[in-house]
N, C-alpha and C. Protein backbone atom coordinates (compact mmCIF):
# COMPACT_ATOMS: atom_id res chain seq x y z
N UNK A 1 86.88 89.24 86.00
CA UNK A 1 85.69 90.09 85.98
C UNK A 1 84.44 89.30 86.33
N UNK A 2 84.32 88.09 85.79
CA UNK A 2 83.15 87.27 86.09
C UNK A 2 83.09 86.92 87.57
N UNK A 3 84.24 86.57 88.14
CA UNK A 3 84.26 86.13 89.53
C UNK A 3 84.02 87.27 90.51
N UNK A 4 84.24 88.50 90.08
CA UNK A 4 84.00 89.64 90.95
C UNK A 4 82.66 90.31 90.67
N UNK A 5 81.82 89.67 89.86
CA UNK A 5 80.50 90.22 89.57
C UNK A 5 79.66 90.24 90.84
N UNK A 6 78.72 91.17 90.91
CA UNK A 6 77.91 91.30 92.12
C UNK A 6 76.60 90.51 92.04
N UNK A 7 76.44 89.68 90.99
CA UNK A 7 75.19 88.93 90.82
C UNK A 7 75.37 87.44 91.05
N UNK A 8 76.49 87.00 91.62
CA UNK A 8 76.76 85.57 91.78
C UNK A 8 75.70 84.94 92.69
N UNK A 9 75.16 83.82 92.22
CA UNK A 9 74.08 83.15 92.95
C UNK A 9 74.46 81.71 93.29
N UNK A 10 73.73 81.15 94.22
CA UNK A 10 74.06 79.82 94.73
C UNK A 10 73.21 78.72 94.09
N UNK A 11 72.20 79.10 93.34
CA UNK A 11 71.31 78.10 92.72
C UNK A 11 72.05 77.24 91.70
N UNK A 12 71.55 76.05 91.49
CA UNK A 12 72.11 75.13 90.50
C UNK A 12 71.43 75.37 89.14
N UNK A 13 72.25 75.49 88.12
CA UNK A 13 71.78 75.72 86.75
C UNK A 13 71.89 74.41 85.98
N UNK A 14 70.80 74.01 85.32
CA UNK A 14 70.82 72.78 84.55
C UNK A 14 70.61 73.08 83.07
N UNK A 15 71.61 72.74 82.28
CA UNK A 15 71.49 72.83 80.82
C UNK A 15 70.79 71.57 80.32
N UNK A 16 69.67 71.76 79.66
CA UNK A 16 68.94 70.64 79.06
C UNK A 16 69.38 70.50 77.62
N UNK A 17 70.47 69.75 77.41
CA UNK A 17 70.87 69.43 76.06
C UNK A 17 69.81 68.54 75.42
N UNK A 18 69.85 68.43 74.12
CA UNK A 18 68.78 67.70 73.43
C UNK A 18 69.18 66.31 72.97
N UNK A 19 70.25 65.77 73.55
CA UNK A 19 70.67 64.42 73.19
C UNK A 19 69.69 63.36 73.67
N UNK A 20 69.80 62.13 73.12
CA UNK A 20 68.83 61.07 73.43
C UNK A 20 68.76 60.69 74.90
N UNK A 21 69.84 60.90 75.67
CA UNK A 21 69.80 60.51 77.08
C UNK A 21 68.83 61.35 77.89
N UNK A 22 68.43 62.51 77.38
CA UNK A 22 67.47 63.34 78.13
C UNK A 22 66.12 62.64 78.24
N UNK A 23 65.84 61.71 77.34
CA UNK A 23 64.58 60.96 77.40
C UNK A 23 64.48 60.12 78.67
N UNK A 24 65.62 59.84 79.32
CA UNK A 24 65.63 59.04 80.54
C UNK A 24 65.45 59.89 81.79
N UNK A 25 65.31 61.21 81.61
CA UNK A 25 65.20 62.13 82.74
C UNK A 25 63.74 62.54 82.95
N UNK A 26 63.27 62.48 84.17
CA UNK A 26 61.95 63.02 84.51
C UNK A 26 62.10 64.52 84.68
N UNK A 27 61.75 65.27 83.65
CA UNK A 27 61.96 66.72 83.68
C UNK A 27 61.18 67.39 84.80
N UNK A 28 60.05 66.84 85.15
CA UNK A 28 59.25 67.43 86.22
C UNK A 28 59.96 67.35 87.58
N UNK A 29 60.92 66.42 87.71
CA UNK A 29 61.67 66.30 88.96
C UNK A 29 62.70 67.41 89.11
N UNK A 30 62.87 68.24 88.06
CA UNK A 30 63.87 69.30 88.08
C UNK A 30 63.28 70.65 88.45
N UNK A 31 62.06 70.66 88.94
CA UNK A 31 61.34 71.92 89.16
C UNK A 31 62.03 72.84 90.17
N UNK A 32 62.83 72.29 91.07
CA UNK A 32 63.49 73.14 92.06
C UNK A 32 64.79 73.74 91.55
N UNK A 33 65.18 73.37 90.32
CA UNK A 33 66.40 73.89 89.72
C UNK A 33 66.09 74.90 88.62
N UNK A 34 67.08 75.65 88.22
CA UNK A 34 66.92 76.62 87.14
C UNK A 34 67.38 75.97 85.83
N UNK A 35 66.41 75.64 84.98
CA UNK A 35 66.69 74.88 83.76
C UNK A 35 66.69 75.78 82.53
N UNK A 36 67.44 75.36 81.51
CA UNK A 36 67.57 76.12 80.27
C UNK A 36 67.38 75.15 79.10
N UNK A 37 66.32 75.38 78.29
CA UNK A 37 66.07 74.57 77.12
C UNK A 37 66.56 75.25 75.85
N UNK A 38 66.71 74.45 74.79
CA UNK A 38 67.36 74.96 73.59
C UNK A 38 66.67 74.56 72.29
N UNK A 39 66.77 75.45 71.33
CA UNK A 39 66.52 75.19 69.91
C UNK A 39 65.11 74.64 69.65
N UNK A 40 64.97 73.46 69.07
CA UNK A 40 63.65 72.96 68.69
C UNK A 40 62.97 72.17 69.80
N UNK A 41 63.54 72.15 71.00
CA UNK A 41 62.93 71.40 72.10
C UNK A 41 61.56 71.95 72.48
N UNK A 42 61.28 73.20 72.12
CA UNK A 42 59.98 73.81 72.46
C UNK A 42 58.82 72.99 71.91
N UNK A 43 59.07 72.20 70.88
CA UNK A 43 58.00 71.44 70.23
C UNK A 43 57.34 70.43 71.17
N UNK A 44 58.04 70.04 72.22
CA UNK A 44 57.49 69.01 73.10
C UNK A 44 57.00 69.57 74.43
N UNK A 45 57.31 70.80 74.76
CA UNK A 45 57.02 71.32 76.09
C UNK A 45 55.54 71.27 76.45
N UNK A 46 54.70 71.78 75.56
CA UNK A 46 53.27 71.78 75.86
C UNK A 46 52.73 70.36 75.94
N UNK A 47 53.27 69.49 75.10
CA UNK A 47 52.82 68.10 75.04
C UNK A 47 53.08 67.38 76.36
N UNK A 48 54.21 67.68 77.00
CA UNK A 48 54.55 66.99 78.25
C UNK A 48 54.30 67.87 79.48
N UNK A 49 53.75 69.07 79.24
CA UNK A 49 53.44 70.01 80.32
C UNK A 49 54.68 70.33 81.16
N UNK A 50 55.74 70.67 80.46
CA UNK A 50 56.98 71.09 81.12
C UNK A 50 57.53 72.32 80.41
N UNK A 51 57.92 73.32 81.20
CA UNK A 51 58.53 74.53 80.65
C UNK A 51 59.78 74.85 81.45
N UNK A 52 60.93 75.05 80.80
CA UNK A 52 62.13 75.44 81.53
C UNK A 52 62.04 76.89 82.00
N UNK A 53 62.92 77.27 82.90
CA UNK A 53 62.97 78.65 83.37
C UNK A 53 63.47 79.57 82.25
N UNK A 54 64.47 79.09 81.51
CA UNK A 54 65.07 79.87 80.43
C UNK A 54 65.01 79.07 79.12
N UNK A 55 65.11 79.81 78.03
CA UNK A 55 65.12 79.15 76.72
C UNK A 55 65.95 80.00 75.76
N UNK A 56 66.61 79.34 74.81
CA UNK A 56 67.40 80.12 73.87
C UNK A 56 67.81 79.36 72.63
N UNK A 57 68.45 80.09 71.74
CA UNK A 57 69.01 79.52 70.51
C UNK A 57 70.19 80.39 70.09
N UNK A 58 71.35 79.77 69.95
CA UNK A 58 72.56 80.48 69.57
C UNK A 58 73.06 80.02 68.20
N UNK A 59 72.15 79.52 67.39
CA UNK A 59 72.45 79.07 66.03
C UNK A 59 71.63 79.93 65.08
N UNK A 60 72.30 80.72 64.25
CA UNK A 60 71.59 81.68 63.40
C UNK A 60 70.61 81.01 62.44
N UNK A 61 70.99 79.89 61.85
CA UNK A 61 70.12 79.20 60.91
C UNK A 61 68.88 78.65 61.61
N UNK A 62 69.08 78.02 62.74
CA UNK A 62 67.96 77.45 63.50
C UNK A 62 67.07 78.56 64.05
N UNK A 63 67.68 79.62 64.54
CA UNK A 63 66.92 80.75 65.09
C UNK A 63 66.02 81.36 64.03
N UNK A 64 66.55 81.51 62.83
CA UNK A 64 65.76 82.07 61.74
C UNK A 64 64.62 81.15 61.35
N UNK A 65 64.90 79.85 61.26
CA UNK A 65 63.89 78.90 60.81
C UNK A 65 62.72 78.80 61.79
N UNK A 66 63.01 78.94 63.09
CA UNK A 66 61.96 78.78 64.11
C UNK A 66 61.49 80.12 64.67
N UNK A 67 61.84 81.22 64.01
CA UNK A 67 61.59 82.56 64.56
C UNK A 67 60.13 82.81 64.90
N UNK A 68 59.22 82.38 64.04
CA UNK A 68 57.80 82.63 64.28
C UNK A 68 57.34 82.01 65.59
N UNK A 69 57.75 80.76 65.82
CA UNK A 69 57.37 80.09 67.07
C UNK A 69 58.08 80.71 68.27
N UNK A 70 59.32 81.11 68.08
CA UNK A 70 60.06 81.74 69.18
C UNK A 70 59.37 83.03 69.61
N UNK A 71 58.90 83.80 68.65
CA UNK A 71 58.22 85.06 68.98
C UNK A 71 56.92 84.79 69.75
N UNK A 72 56.19 83.77 69.36
CA UNK A 72 54.97 83.41 70.09
C UNK A 72 55.29 83.04 71.53
N UNK A 73 56.40 82.30 71.72
CA UNK A 73 56.78 81.88 73.06
C UNK A 73 57.14 83.07 73.94
N UNK A 74 57.84 84.05 73.37
CA UNK A 74 58.23 85.23 74.14
C UNK A 74 57.01 85.94 74.71
N UNK A 75 55.95 85.97 73.91
CA UNK A 75 54.75 86.71 74.31
C UNK A 75 53.77 85.88 75.14
N UNK A 76 53.78 84.55 74.95
CA UNK A 76 52.68 83.75 75.51
C UNK A 76 53.08 82.62 76.45
N UNK A 77 54.36 82.25 76.51
CA UNK A 77 54.72 81.08 77.32
C UNK A 77 55.09 81.49 78.74
N UNK A 78 55.14 80.51 79.68
CA UNK A 78 55.53 80.82 81.06
C UNK A 78 57.04 80.90 81.26
N UNK A 79 57.83 80.73 80.21
CA UNK A 79 59.28 80.82 80.33
C UNK A 79 59.67 82.23 80.75
N UNK A 80 60.61 82.35 81.70
CA UNK A 80 60.93 83.64 82.29
C UNK A 80 61.86 84.51 81.45
N UNK A 81 62.80 83.88 80.71
CA UNK A 81 63.78 84.68 79.99
C UNK A 81 64.23 83.95 78.74
N UNK A 82 64.42 84.72 77.65
CA UNK A 82 64.82 84.16 76.36
C UNK A 82 66.14 84.76 75.91
N UNK A 83 66.95 83.91 75.29
CA UNK A 83 68.28 84.31 74.83
C UNK A 83 68.46 83.85 73.38
N UNK A 84 68.43 84.80 72.46
CA UNK A 84 68.50 84.46 71.04
C UNK A 84 69.55 85.30 70.32
N UNK A 85 70.21 84.66 69.34
CA UNK A 85 70.96 85.44 68.35
C UNK A 85 69.92 86.24 67.57
N UNK A 86 70.14 87.50 67.42
CA UNK A 86 69.12 88.30 66.72
C UNK A 86 69.50 88.57 65.26
N UNK A 87 69.96 87.52 64.57
CA UNK A 87 70.16 87.63 63.12
C UNK A 87 70.14 86.23 62.52
N UNK A 88 69.79 86.17 61.23
CA UNK A 88 69.75 84.88 60.54
C UNK A 88 71.11 84.56 59.94
N UNK A 89 71.19 83.46 59.17
CA UNK A 89 72.49 83.04 58.64
C UNK A 89 73.00 83.96 57.54
N UNK A 90 72.19 84.93 57.12
CA UNK A 90 72.63 85.94 56.16
C UNK A 90 72.93 87.28 56.84
N UNK A 91 72.77 87.33 58.15
CA UNK A 91 73.06 88.55 58.91
C UNK A 91 71.89 89.49 59.07
N UNK A 92 70.71 89.09 58.62
CA UNK A 92 69.53 89.95 58.74
C UNK A 92 68.91 89.84 60.14
N UNK A 93 68.46 90.96 60.67
CA UNK A 93 67.86 90.98 62.00
C UNK A 93 66.56 90.17 62.01
N UNK A 94 66.35 89.42 63.07
CA UNK A 94 65.18 88.54 63.17
C UNK A 94 64.08 89.18 64.01
N UNK A 95 64.44 89.63 65.21
CA UNK A 95 63.45 90.15 66.16
C UNK A 95 63.44 91.67 66.06
N UNK A 96 62.43 92.19 65.39
CA UNK A 96 62.36 93.65 65.16
C UNK A 96 61.10 94.26 65.75
N UNK A 97 60.10 93.45 66.06
CA UNK A 97 58.82 93.96 66.55
C UNK A 97 59.00 94.63 67.92
N UNK A 98 58.44 95.81 68.11
CA UNK A 98 58.56 96.51 69.39
C UNK A 98 58.07 95.69 70.57
N UNK A 99 56.97 94.94 70.38
CA UNK A 99 56.44 94.18 71.51
C UNK A 99 57.39 93.05 71.92
N UNK A 100 58.23 92.58 70.97
CA UNK A 100 59.23 91.58 71.30
C UNK A 100 60.45 92.24 71.95
N UNK A 101 60.97 93.27 71.31
CA UNK A 101 62.18 93.93 71.78
C UNK A 101 62.00 94.54 73.17
N UNK A 102 60.77 94.95 73.48
CA UNK A 102 60.51 95.59 74.76
C UNK A 102 59.97 94.63 75.82
N UNK A 103 59.79 93.37 75.43
CA UNK A 103 59.26 92.39 76.38
C UNK A 103 60.27 92.14 77.49
N UNK A 104 59.85 92.13 78.75
CA UNK A 104 60.77 91.89 79.86
C UNK A 104 61.49 90.55 79.75
N UNK A 105 60.88 89.59 79.08
CA UNK A 105 61.48 88.26 78.98
C UNK A 105 62.56 88.18 77.90
N UNK A 106 62.69 89.21 77.08
CA UNK A 106 63.64 89.17 75.96
C UNK A 106 64.97 89.78 76.36
N UNK A 107 66.02 88.95 76.39
CA UNK A 107 67.36 89.43 76.72
C UNK A 107 68.06 89.90 75.44
N UNK A 108 68.43 91.15 75.40
CA UNK A 108 69.17 91.65 74.24
C UNK A 108 70.61 91.17 74.32
N UNK A 109 71.10 90.64 73.20
CA UNK A 109 72.45 90.10 73.12
C UNK A 109 73.15 90.67 71.90
N UNK A 110 74.31 91.26 72.09
CA UNK A 110 75.14 91.68 70.98
C UNK A 110 76.12 90.54 70.66
N UNK A 111 75.63 89.62 69.85
CA UNK A 111 76.38 88.39 69.56
C UNK A 111 77.43 88.66 68.49
N UNK A 112 78.66 88.20 68.73
CA UNK A 112 79.75 88.42 67.78
C UNK A 112 80.50 87.12 67.53
N UNK A 113 80.66 86.79 66.26
CA UNK A 113 81.51 85.65 65.92
C UNK A 113 82.97 86.00 66.18
N UNK A 114 83.76 85.01 66.48
CA UNK A 114 85.18 85.23 66.72
C UNK A 114 85.90 85.61 65.43
N UNK A 115 86.88 86.50 65.56
CA UNK A 115 87.74 86.78 64.40
C UNK A 115 88.78 85.67 64.30
N UNK A 116 89.61 85.72 63.29
CA UNK A 116 90.54 84.62 63.02
C UNK A 116 91.49 84.36 64.18
N UNK A 117 92.03 85.42 64.78
CA UNK A 117 92.96 85.22 65.90
C UNK A 117 92.24 84.68 67.13
N UNK A 118 91.00 85.11 67.35
CA UNK A 118 90.24 84.64 68.51
C UNK A 118 89.86 83.17 68.38
N UNK A 119 89.71 82.68 67.15
CA UNK A 119 89.32 81.29 66.95
C UNK A 119 90.38 80.33 67.47
N UNK A 120 91.61 80.79 67.56
CA UNK A 120 92.70 79.93 68.03
C UNK A 120 92.89 79.99 69.54
N UNK A 121 92.15 80.85 70.21
CA UNK A 121 92.33 81.04 71.65
C UNK A 121 91.33 80.24 72.47
N UNK A 122 91.76 79.78 73.61
CA UNK A 122 90.89 79.01 74.51
C UNK A 122 90.62 79.74 75.81
N UNK A 123 91.04 81.01 75.90
CA UNK A 123 90.92 81.74 77.16
C UNK A 123 89.91 82.88 77.07
N UNK A 124 88.94 82.78 76.15
CA UNK A 124 87.97 83.87 75.97
C UNK A 124 86.63 83.49 76.59
N UNK A 125 86.16 84.31 77.51
CA UNK A 125 84.79 84.23 78.00
C UNK A 125 84.20 85.63 77.98
N UNK A 126 82.96 85.73 77.56
CA UNK A 126 82.32 87.05 77.53
C UNK A 126 82.05 87.53 78.95
N UNK A 127 82.18 88.82 79.17
CA UNK A 127 81.90 89.40 80.48
C UNK A 127 80.65 90.28 80.44
N UNK A 128 79.96 90.29 79.28
CA UNK A 128 78.75 91.11 79.15
C UNK A 128 77.94 90.62 77.96
N UNK A 129 76.63 90.80 78.03
CA UNK A 129 75.79 90.52 76.86
C UNK A 129 75.98 91.58 75.78
N UNK A 130 76.66 92.68 76.12
CA UNK A 130 76.90 93.74 75.15
C UNK A 130 78.00 93.37 74.16
N UNK A 131 78.84 92.42 74.53
CA UNK A 131 79.79 91.83 73.58
C UNK A 131 79.90 90.35 73.92
N UNK A 132 78.98 89.60 73.33
CA UNK A 132 78.86 88.18 73.63
C UNK A 132 79.59 87.42 72.53
N UNK A 133 80.79 86.93 72.84
CA UNK A 133 81.65 86.31 71.83
C UNK A 133 81.29 84.83 71.69
N UNK A 134 81.10 84.39 70.48
CA UNK A 134 80.64 83.04 70.18
C UNK A 134 81.55 81.96 70.75
N UNK A 135 80.93 80.98 71.43
CA UNK A 135 81.64 79.80 71.90
C UNK A 135 81.43 78.60 70.98
N UNK A 136 80.83 78.83 69.82
CA UNK A 136 80.76 77.87 68.71
C UNK A 136 79.59 76.92 68.73
N UNK A 137 78.99 76.62 69.87
CA UNK A 137 77.82 75.75 69.90
C UNK A 137 76.77 76.33 70.84
N UNK A 138 75.53 75.89 70.65
CA UNK A 138 74.44 76.38 71.50
C UNK A 138 74.67 76.02 72.96
N UNK A 139 75.13 74.79 73.21
CA UNK A 139 75.34 74.35 74.58
C UNK A 139 76.39 75.17 75.30
N UNK A 140 77.54 75.35 74.67
CA UNK A 140 78.61 76.10 75.31
C UNK A 140 78.26 77.58 75.43
N UNK A 141 77.52 78.11 74.48
CA UNK A 141 77.05 79.50 74.60
C UNK A 141 76.05 79.64 75.74
N UNK A 142 75.27 78.61 75.99
CA UNK A 142 74.32 78.64 77.10
C UNK A 142 75.05 78.75 78.43
N UNK A 143 76.12 77.99 78.61
CA UNK A 143 76.89 78.06 79.85
C UNK A 143 77.50 79.45 79.99
N UNK A 144 77.96 80.02 78.88
CA UNK A 144 78.51 81.36 78.93
C UNK A 144 77.44 82.36 79.37
N UNK A 145 76.21 82.22 78.85
CA UNK A 145 75.11 83.09 79.28
C UNK A 145 74.81 82.89 80.76
N UNK A 146 74.85 81.64 81.22
CA UNK A 146 74.57 81.34 82.62
C UNK A 146 75.61 81.97 83.54
N UNK A 147 76.86 81.98 83.11
CA UNK A 147 77.90 82.64 83.89
C UNK A 147 77.59 84.13 84.06
N UNK A 148 77.10 84.75 82.98
CA UNK A 148 76.75 86.17 83.05
C UNK A 148 75.55 86.41 83.96
N UNK A 149 74.67 85.40 84.08
CA UNK A 149 73.52 85.51 84.97
C UNK A 149 73.91 85.29 86.43
N UNK A 150 75.16 84.89 86.67
CA UNK A 150 75.64 84.72 88.04
C UNK A 150 75.77 83.30 88.52
N UNK A 151 75.43 82.33 87.67
CA UNK A 151 75.51 80.93 88.09
C UNK A 151 76.95 80.45 88.10
N UNK A 152 77.26 79.57 89.07
CA UNK A 152 78.58 78.96 89.14
C UNK A 152 78.50 77.45 89.37
N UNK A 153 77.29 76.94 89.55
CA UNK A 153 77.10 75.49 89.74
C UNK A 153 76.26 74.96 88.58
N UNK A 154 76.82 74.00 87.85
CA UNK A 154 76.19 73.55 86.61
C UNK A 154 76.00 72.04 86.56
N UNK A 155 74.89 71.64 86.00
CA UNK A 155 74.65 70.24 85.65
C UNK A 155 74.30 70.21 84.18
N UNK A 156 74.96 69.32 83.42
CA UNK A 156 74.64 69.15 82.02
C UNK A 156 73.86 67.85 81.84
N UNK A 157 72.70 67.94 81.24
CA UNK A 157 71.90 66.75 80.93
C UNK A 157 71.66 66.71 79.42
N UNK A 158 71.71 65.52 78.85
CA UNK A 158 71.44 65.39 77.41
C UNK A 158 72.53 65.97 76.53
N UNK A 159 73.72 66.17 77.08
CA UNK A 159 74.86 66.64 76.28
C UNK A 159 75.69 65.40 75.94
N UNK A 160 75.19 64.60 75.00
CA UNK A 160 75.71 63.25 74.78
C UNK A 160 76.97 63.20 73.91
N UNK A 161 77.09 64.13 72.97
CA UNK A 161 78.27 64.19 72.09
C UNK A 161 78.49 62.89 71.32
N UNK A 162 77.43 62.32 70.80
CA UNK A 162 77.54 61.10 69.98
C UNK A 162 76.70 61.24 68.72
N UNK A 163 76.77 62.39 68.09
CA UNK A 163 75.93 62.71 66.94
C UNK A 163 76.17 61.78 65.75
N UNK A 164 75.07 61.45 65.06
CA UNK A 164 75.13 60.95 63.69
C UNK A 164 75.12 62.19 62.80
N UNK A 165 76.11 62.36 61.96
CA UNK A 165 76.26 63.61 61.22
C UNK A 165 75.09 63.89 60.28
N UNK A 166 74.60 62.86 59.59
CA UNK A 166 73.45 63.04 58.69
C UNK A 166 72.45 61.93 58.99
N UNK A 167 71.36 62.29 59.64
CA UNK A 167 70.37 61.28 60.05
C UNK A 167 69.45 60.94 58.89
N UNK A 168 68.70 59.86 59.05
CA UNK A 168 67.74 59.44 58.03
C UNK A 168 66.73 60.56 57.76
N UNK A 169 66.56 60.90 56.50
CA UNK A 169 65.62 61.96 56.12
C UNK A 169 66.28 63.29 55.85
N UNK A 170 67.55 63.45 56.25
CA UNK A 170 68.26 64.72 56.05
C UNK A 170 69.12 64.64 54.80
N UNK A 171 69.17 65.74 54.06
CA UNK A 171 70.02 65.82 52.87
C UNK A 171 70.76 67.16 52.89
N UNK A 172 71.85 67.22 52.16
CA UNK A 172 72.61 68.46 52.07
C UNK A 172 71.75 69.52 51.40
N UNK A 173 71.77 70.72 51.97
CA UNK A 173 71.02 71.84 51.39
C UNK A 173 71.88 72.51 50.33
N UNK A 174 72.45 73.64 50.60
CA UNK A 174 73.24 74.32 49.59
C UNK A 174 74.74 74.29 49.88
N UNK A 175 75.13 73.85 51.07
CA UNK A 175 76.53 73.75 51.42
C UNK A 175 76.74 72.46 52.21
N UNK A 176 77.98 72.05 52.34
CA UNK A 176 78.31 70.82 53.07
C UNK A 176 77.74 70.84 54.47
N UNK A 177 77.86 71.99 55.16
CA UNK A 177 77.46 72.04 56.56
C UNK A 177 76.00 72.40 56.78
N UNK A 178 75.24 72.64 55.71
CA UNK A 178 73.82 72.98 55.81
C UNK A 178 72.98 71.78 55.39
N UNK A 179 72.01 71.42 56.24
CA UNK A 179 71.15 70.27 55.96
C UNK A 179 69.70 70.69 55.99
N UNK A 180 68.86 69.87 55.35
CA UNK A 180 67.42 70.09 55.37
C UNK A 180 66.74 68.74 55.51
N UNK A 181 65.67 68.70 56.30
CA UNK A 181 64.93 67.45 56.49
C UNK A 181 63.92 67.29 55.36
N UNK A 182 64.07 66.24 54.59
CA UNK A 182 63.12 65.94 53.51
C UNK A 182 61.92 65.16 54.03
N UNK A 183 62.08 64.53 55.19
CA UNK A 183 60.96 63.84 55.84
C UNK A 183 61.23 63.79 57.33
N UNK A 184 60.17 63.73 58.11
CA UNK A 184 60.32 63.58 59.56
C UNK A 184 60.71 62.14 59.85
N UNK A 185 61.85 61.91 60.50
CA UNK A 185 62.28 60.52 60.75
C UNK A 185 61.39 59.81 61.75
N UNK A 186 61.25 58.50 61.58
CA UNK A 186 60.52 57.71 62.56
C UNK A 186 61.26 57.67 63.89
N UNK A 187 62.57 57.69 63.81
CA UNK A 187 63.42 57.73 65.01
C UNK A 187 64.63 58.59 64.68
N UNK A 188 64.92 59.54 65.54
CA UNK A 188 66.08 60.40 65.33
C UNK A 188 67.12 60.08 66.40
N UNK A 189 68.26 59.48 66.02
CA UNK A 189 69.25 59.05 67.01
C UNK A 189 69.97 60.19 67.71
N UNK A 190 69.80 61.42 67.22
CA UNK A 190 70.51 62.56 67.80
C UNK A 190 69.75 63.27 68.91
N UNK A 191 68.44 62.96 69.05
CA UNK A 191 67.62 63.79 69.94
C UNK A 191 66.72 62.95 70.83
N UNK A 192 66.17 63.59 71.84
CA UNK A 192 65.46 62.89 72.91
C UNK A 192 63.99 62.66 72.60
N UNK A 193 63.47 63.21 71.50
CA UNK A 193 62.15 62.80 71.02
C UNK A 193 62.19 62.77 69.50
N UNK A 194 61.40 61.85 68.93
CA UNK A 194 61.58 61.47 67.53
C UNK A 194 61.31 62.58 66.54
N UNK A 195 60.35 63.48 66.85
CA UNK A 195 60.02 64.54 65.89
C UNK A 195 60.65 65.88 66.29
N UNK A 196 61.79 65.81 66.95
CA UNK A 196 62.54 67.03 67.26
C UNK A 196 62.83 67.79 65.96
N UNK A 197 63.29 67.08 64.95
CA UNK A 197 63.46 67.66 63.62
C UNK A 197 62.34 67.14 62.72
N UNK A 198 61.73 68.05 61.97
CA UNK A 198 60.57 67.70 61.15
C UNK A 198 60.80 68.08 59.69
N UNK A 199 59.97 67.54 58.84
CA UNK A 199 60.08 67.80 57.41
C UNK A 199 60.13 69.31 57.15
N UNK A 200 61.12 69.74 56.37
CA UNK A 200 61.28 71.14 56.04
C UNK A 200 62.25 71.90 56.91
N UNK A 201 62.65 71.31 58.05
CA UNK A 201 63.58 71.99 58.95
C UNK A 201 64.94 72.18 58.28
N UNK A 202 65.53 73.35 58.50
CA UNK A 202 66.89 73.63 58.05
C UNK A 202 67.78 73.75 59.29
N UNK A 203 68.97 73.17 59.20
CA UNK A 203 69.85 73.16 60.36
C UNK A 203 71.29 72.90 59.91
N UNK A 204 72.21 73.07 60.82
CA UNK A 204 73.62 72.86 60.54
C UNK A 204 74.05 71.44 60.89
N UNK A 205 74.97 70.92 60.11
CA UNK A 205 75.58 69.63 60.43
C UNK A 205 76.22 69.73 61.82
N UNK A 206 76.12 68.70 62.68
CA UNK A 206 76.66 68.80 64.04
C UNK A 206 78.16 69.09 64.10
N UNK A 207 78.93 68.50 63.16
CA UNK A 207 80.39 68.68 63.17
C UNK A 207 80.97 68.37 64.55
N UNK A 208 80.77 67.14 64.99
CA UNK A 208 81.15 66.73 66.34
C UNK A 208 82.62 67.00 66.65
N UNK A 209 83.52 66.55 65.79
CA UNK A 209 84.94 66.65 66.10
C UNK A 209 85.52 68.03 65.83
N UNK A 210 84.94 68.77 64.89
CA UNK A 210 85.49 70.08 64.52
C UNK A 210 84.81 71.24 65.25
N UNK A 211 83.63 70.99 65.81
CA UNK A 211 82.90 72.09 66.44
C UNK A 211 82.48 71.77 67.88
N UNK A 212 81.70 70.69 68.04
CA UNK A 212 81.10 70.41 69.34
C UNK A 212 82.14 70.17 70.43
N UNK A 213 83.04 69.22 70.21
CA UNK A 213 84.03 68.88 71.25
C UNK A 213 85.01 70.02 71.50
N UNK A 214 85.55 70.67 70.45
CA UNK A 214 86.43 71.83 70.73
C UNK A 214 85.73 72.93 71.52
N UNK A 215 84.44 73.15 71.26
CA UNK A 215 83.71 74.19 71.98
C UNK A 215 83.64 73.88 73.46
N UNK A 216 83.36 72.63 73.81
CA UNK A 216 83.31 72.26 75.22
C UNK A 216 84.68 72.31 75.85
N UNK A 217 85.72 71.95 75.11
CA UNK A 217 87.07 72.07 75.64
C UNK A 217 87.41 73.51 75.96
N UNK A 218 87.01 74.41 75.08
CA UNK A 218 87.24 75.84 75.34
C UNK A 218 86.52 76.28 76.60
């Protein structure tokens, strides 16, 4: 179904992962490509005068925590299209304001977590935003969204897959896989700028071997 879609395009799509290697990339040199930024990377865009073509977050906890800033970006930033899970980690809807829901830049996504049988399968790709089945990580979900947009040529930058599970300043929140930053680290080994995560941020443990790598394999 994806290969017979009528929207297939020839442009190159670049996923801007947030790993430390992205710091070695001159983002301004990517202006002729279609770039997609993720999660808390928005914190640096104005500072470096760079805005990706697309932006999104496929992590319910992160999406909820940064919702206020995400809503401002939808209304005020030069980013062309936004892709967000529209619920928090408790299942409550995040984006409800009419001016957000009706904004041309806001892509509506019916995001669905995999059921138990689907979690064991490696042959699932969504064919519509109306039933967007979770690929387990923001990066892999971004590629799935890009496929729906018609892209077939991909470059991954900053997808380093060398996470430190609990960085300096982070402590367990209420569950093993939930973390909170008690202080902004002087250096964050997981990300391409030091204050990517800041005091008070809530986020999920990377789970490199159980989540990140299996998601990319799928």
